[in-house]
């Protein structure tokens, strides 16, 4: 699909989906932390965040930069500086968790392993939509960390649609072979 590994998911009770990505980024944890926990960092690859109160129980409001004036309010539901940031944003996005670890063999100076979890509710189609969306966002995160932030005016849904088709295809059962 891309340099970003395929996301995985599991479904519980019919409509609760847990999405997981493990992304290795060739940037130090401090840079990745800034990208996932500050309004300036988030705006370079995901969305605007205003306010974002960096503490357990703090307020967060996510503003999508591609779809007008959409606001998704929530709370900071986990906060361990440098390691874990979790936002619970209702109703659409659910629980969004970023867990950072130093990359293998670097002593923490050169790379980061980002373990991402998104727990949300919705129909099966919503799960595939979100897998494709997060995959697309992590591609934007990698570019932003490399010095190429998102240009929201030029962003289209073409890449998301392609990723959505790939995730849907991967979900399809194998055709039965009949001689």
Protein backbone atom coordinates (compact mmCIF):
# COMPACT_ATOMS: atom_id res chain seq x y z
CA UNK A 1 0.00 0.00 0.00
CA UNK A 2 2.61 2.56 1.10
CA UNK A 3 5.49 2.97 3.51
CA UNK A 4 2.91 3.08 6.28
CA UNK A 5 2.10 -0.49 7.35
CA UNK A 6 -1.45 -1.68 6.92
CA UNK A 7 -3.70 -0.93 9.87
CA UNK A 8 -5.48 -3.75 11.67
CA UNK A 9 -8.89 -3.83 13.27
CA UNK A 10 -11.16 -5.92 15.38
CA UNK A 11 -14.88 -5.56 16.03
CA UNK A 12 -16.67 -6.24 19.31
CA UNK A 13 -20.40 -6.36 20.03
CA UNK A 14 -21.20 -5.70 16.38
CA UNK A 15 -20.44 -1.98 16.24
CA UNK A 16 -17.41 -1.25 18.45
CA UNK A 17 -14.26 -1.16 16.35
CA UNK A 18 -10.66 -1.03 17.56
CA UNK A 19 -8.21 0.14 14.89
CA UNK A 20 -4.45 -0.29 15.36
CA UNK A 21 -1.43 1.01 13.51
CA UNK A 22 2.24 0.58 14.35
CA UNK A 23 4.30 3.14 12.47
CA UNK A 24 8.09 3.47 12.61
CA UNK A 25 9.15 7.04 11.97
CA UNK A 26 12.78 8.09 11.37
CA UNK A 27 12.45 11.04 13.75
CA UNK A 28 13.20 11.38 17.48
CA UNK A 29 10.34 10.87 19.94
CA UNK A 30 10.42 14.55 20.92
CA UNK A 31 9.59 15.60 17.33
CA UNK A 32 6.81 13.03 17.00
CA UNK A 33 5.43 14.05 20.41
CA UNK A 34 5.21 17.66 19.25
CA UNK A 35 3.42 16.53 16.07
CA UNK A 36 0.71 14.61 17.94
CA UNK A 37 0.22 16.82 21.02
CA UNK A 38 0.41 20.47 20.01
CA UNK A 39 -1.94 22.62 17.94
CA UNK A 40 0.97 23.58 15.68
CA UNK A 41 2.05 19.97 15.19
CA UNK A 42 -1.44 18.57 14.59
CA UNK A 43 -2.26 21.27 12.03
CA UNK A 44 0.69 20.12 9.88
CA UNK A 45 -0.85 16.68 9.23
CA UNK A 46 -4.23 16.02 10.90
CA UNK A 47 -6.40 18.97 11.88
CA UNK A 48 -6.49 22.19 13.83
CA UNK A 49 -6.86 21.79 17.59
CA UNK A 50 -8.20 24.77 19.52
CA UNK A 51 -8.34 24.55 22.40
CA UNK A 52 -5.93 21.76 23.33
CA UNK A 53 -5.28 21.69 27.06
CA UNK A 54 -2.25 19.37 27.51
CA UNK A 55 -3.25 17.63 30.72
CA UNK A 56 -5.46 14.81 31.90
CA UNK A 57 -9.06 16.01 31.69
CA UNK A 58 -8.13 18.97 29.50
CA UNK A 59 -10.44 20.17 26.76
CA UNK A 60 -9.72 19.49 23.11
CA UNK A 61 -11.67 20.58 20.06
CA UNK A 62 -10.58 19.22 16.68
CA UNK A 63 -11.35 21.34 13.62
CA UNK A 64 -11.19 19.58 10.27
CA UNK A 65 -9.34 21.74 7.79
CA UNK A 66 -10.74 19.99 4.71
CA UNK A 67 -14.47 20.22 5.40
CA UNK A 68 -15.24 23.76 6.41
CA UNK A 69 -16.07 24.66 9.98
CA UNK A 70 -16.50 21.17 11.46
CA UNK A 71 -15.77 20.97 15.19
CA UNK A 72 -15.38 17.77 17.21
CA UNK A 73 -15.18 18.50 20.97
CA UNK A 74 -13.67 16.12 23.50
CA UNK A 75 -11.31 15.59 26.43
CA UNK A 76 -7.73 14.53 27.02
CA UNK A 77 -8.29 11.10 28.59
CA UNK A 78 -4.64 10.02 29.04
CA UNK A 79 -1.52 12.16 29.27
CA UNK A 80 2.00 10.94 30.02
CA UNK A 81 4.32 13.62 28.59
CA UNK A 82 6.66 12.27 25.94
CA UNK A 83 4.92 8.91 25.84
CA UNK A 84 1.10 8.77 25.75
CA UNK A 85 -1.53 11.21 24.53
CA UNK A 86 -5.15 10.15 24.26
CA UNK A 87 -8.11 12.20 23.13
CA UNK A 88 -11.71 11.02 23.41
CA UNK A 89 -13.69 12.93 20.83
CA UNK A 90 -17.38 12.25 20.35
CA UNK A 91 -19.40 11.32 18.51
CA UNK A 92 -17.50 10.49 15.33
CA UNK A 93 -13.94 9.76 16.34
CA UNK A 94 -14.15 7.97 19.69
CA UNK A 95 -10.94 7.31 21.63
CA UNK A 96 -7.73 8.28 19.80
CA UNK A 97 -4.48 7.13 21.47
CA UNK A 98 -0.87 7.85 20.49
CA UNK A 99 1.77 5.80 22.33
CA UNK A 100 5.39 6.65 21.49
CA UNK A 101 8.46 4.51 22.11
CA UNK A 102 12.08 5.01 21.07
CA UNK A 103 12.88 3.18 17.85
CA UNK A 104 14.90 -0.02 17.91
CA UNK A 105 18.65 0.33 18.43
CA UNK A 106 18.68 4.12 18.42
CA UNK A 107 18.88 4.96 22.10
CA UNK A 108 15.86 7.19 21.49
CA UNK A 109 17.71 9.80 19.44
CA UNK A 110 16.90 8.77 15.89
CA UNK A 111 13.55 7.07 15.46
CA UNK A 112 10.19 6.51 17.06
CA UNK A 113 7.68 3.67 17.10
CA UNK A 114 4.17 5.13 17.15
CA UNK A 115 1.56 2.68 18.41
CA UNK A 116 -1.83 4.09 17.55
CA UNK A 117 -5.26 2.93 18.69
CA UNK A 118 -8.66 4.29 17.72
CA UNK A 119 -11.73 2.83 19.43
CA UNK A 120 -14.99 3.95 17.91
CA UNK A 121 -18.57 2.86 17.28
CA UNK A 122 -20.34 2.57 13.96
CA UNK A 123 -21.34 0.29 11.11
CA UNK A 124 -18.75 -1.93 9.37
CA UNK A 125 -18.37 0.62 6.55
CA UNK A 126 -17.32 3.25 9.08
CA UNK A 127 -14.51 0.97 10.27
CA UNK A 128 -13.11 0.72 6.73
CA UNK A 129 -13.53 4.48 6.22
CA UNK A 130 -11.53 5.20 9.38
CA UNK A 131 -8.78 2.66 8.54
CA UNK A 132 -8.28 4.40 5.20
CA UNK A 133 -8.46 7.85 6.79
CA UNK A 134 -5.88 7.08 9.48
CA UNK A 135 -3.59 5.42 6.95
CA UNK A 136 -3.81 8.58 4.83
CA UNK A 137 -3.19 10.77 7.89
CA UNK A 138 -0.09 8.79 8.87
CA UNK A 139 1.30 9.29 5.36
CA UNK A 140 0.75 13.03 5.91
CA UNK A 141 2.41 12.77 9.35
CA UNK A 142 5.52 11.19 7.80
CA UNK A 143 5.67 13.95 5.18
CA UNK A 144 5.15 16.67 7.78
CA UNK A 145 7.97 15.30 9.94
CA UNK A 146 10.16 15.29 6.82
CA UNK A 147 9.47 19.02 6.42
CA UNK A 148 6.50 18.89 4.02
CA UNK A 149 3.35 19.83 5.95
CA UNK A 150 -0.10 19.34 4.47
CA UNK A 151 -1.35 21.99 2.08
CA UNK A 152 -5.03 21.72 2.97
CA UNK A 153 -6.13 23.71 -0.10
CA UNK A 154 -4.68 21.07 -2.44
CA UNK A 155 -5.73 17.97 -0.53
CA UNK A 156 -8.26 15.76 -2.30
CA UNK A 157 -10.05 12.54 -1.42
CA UNK A 158 -8.37 10.58 -4.25
CA UNK A 159 -5.74 8.92 -2.02
CA UNK A 160 -8.32 8.14 0.66
CA UNK A 161 -10.59 6.49 -1.92
CA UNK A 162 -7.71 4.34 -3.18
CA UNK A 163 -6.80 3.27 0.37
CA UNK A 164 -10.46 2.59 1.15
CA UNK A 165 -10.68 0.27 -1.87
CA UNK A 166 -7.54 -1.58 -0.76
CA UNK A 167 -8.82 -2.06 2.80
CA UNK A 168 -12.17 -3.26 1.45
CA UNK A 169 -10.47 -5.67 -0.94
CA UNK A 170 -8.34 -7.07 1.88
CA UNK A 171 -11.53 -7.77 3.83
CA UNK A 172 -13.16 -9.73 1.01
CA UNK A 173 -13.17 -13.52 1.36
CA UNK A 174 -11.11 -15.47 -1.11
CA UNK A 175 -13.15 -16.76 -4.04
CA UNK A 176 -13.77 -20.46 -3.92
CA UNK A 177 -11.82 -22.42 -6.48
CA UNK A 178 -14.00 -24.70 -8.50
CA UNK A 179 -12.45 -27.05 -11.09
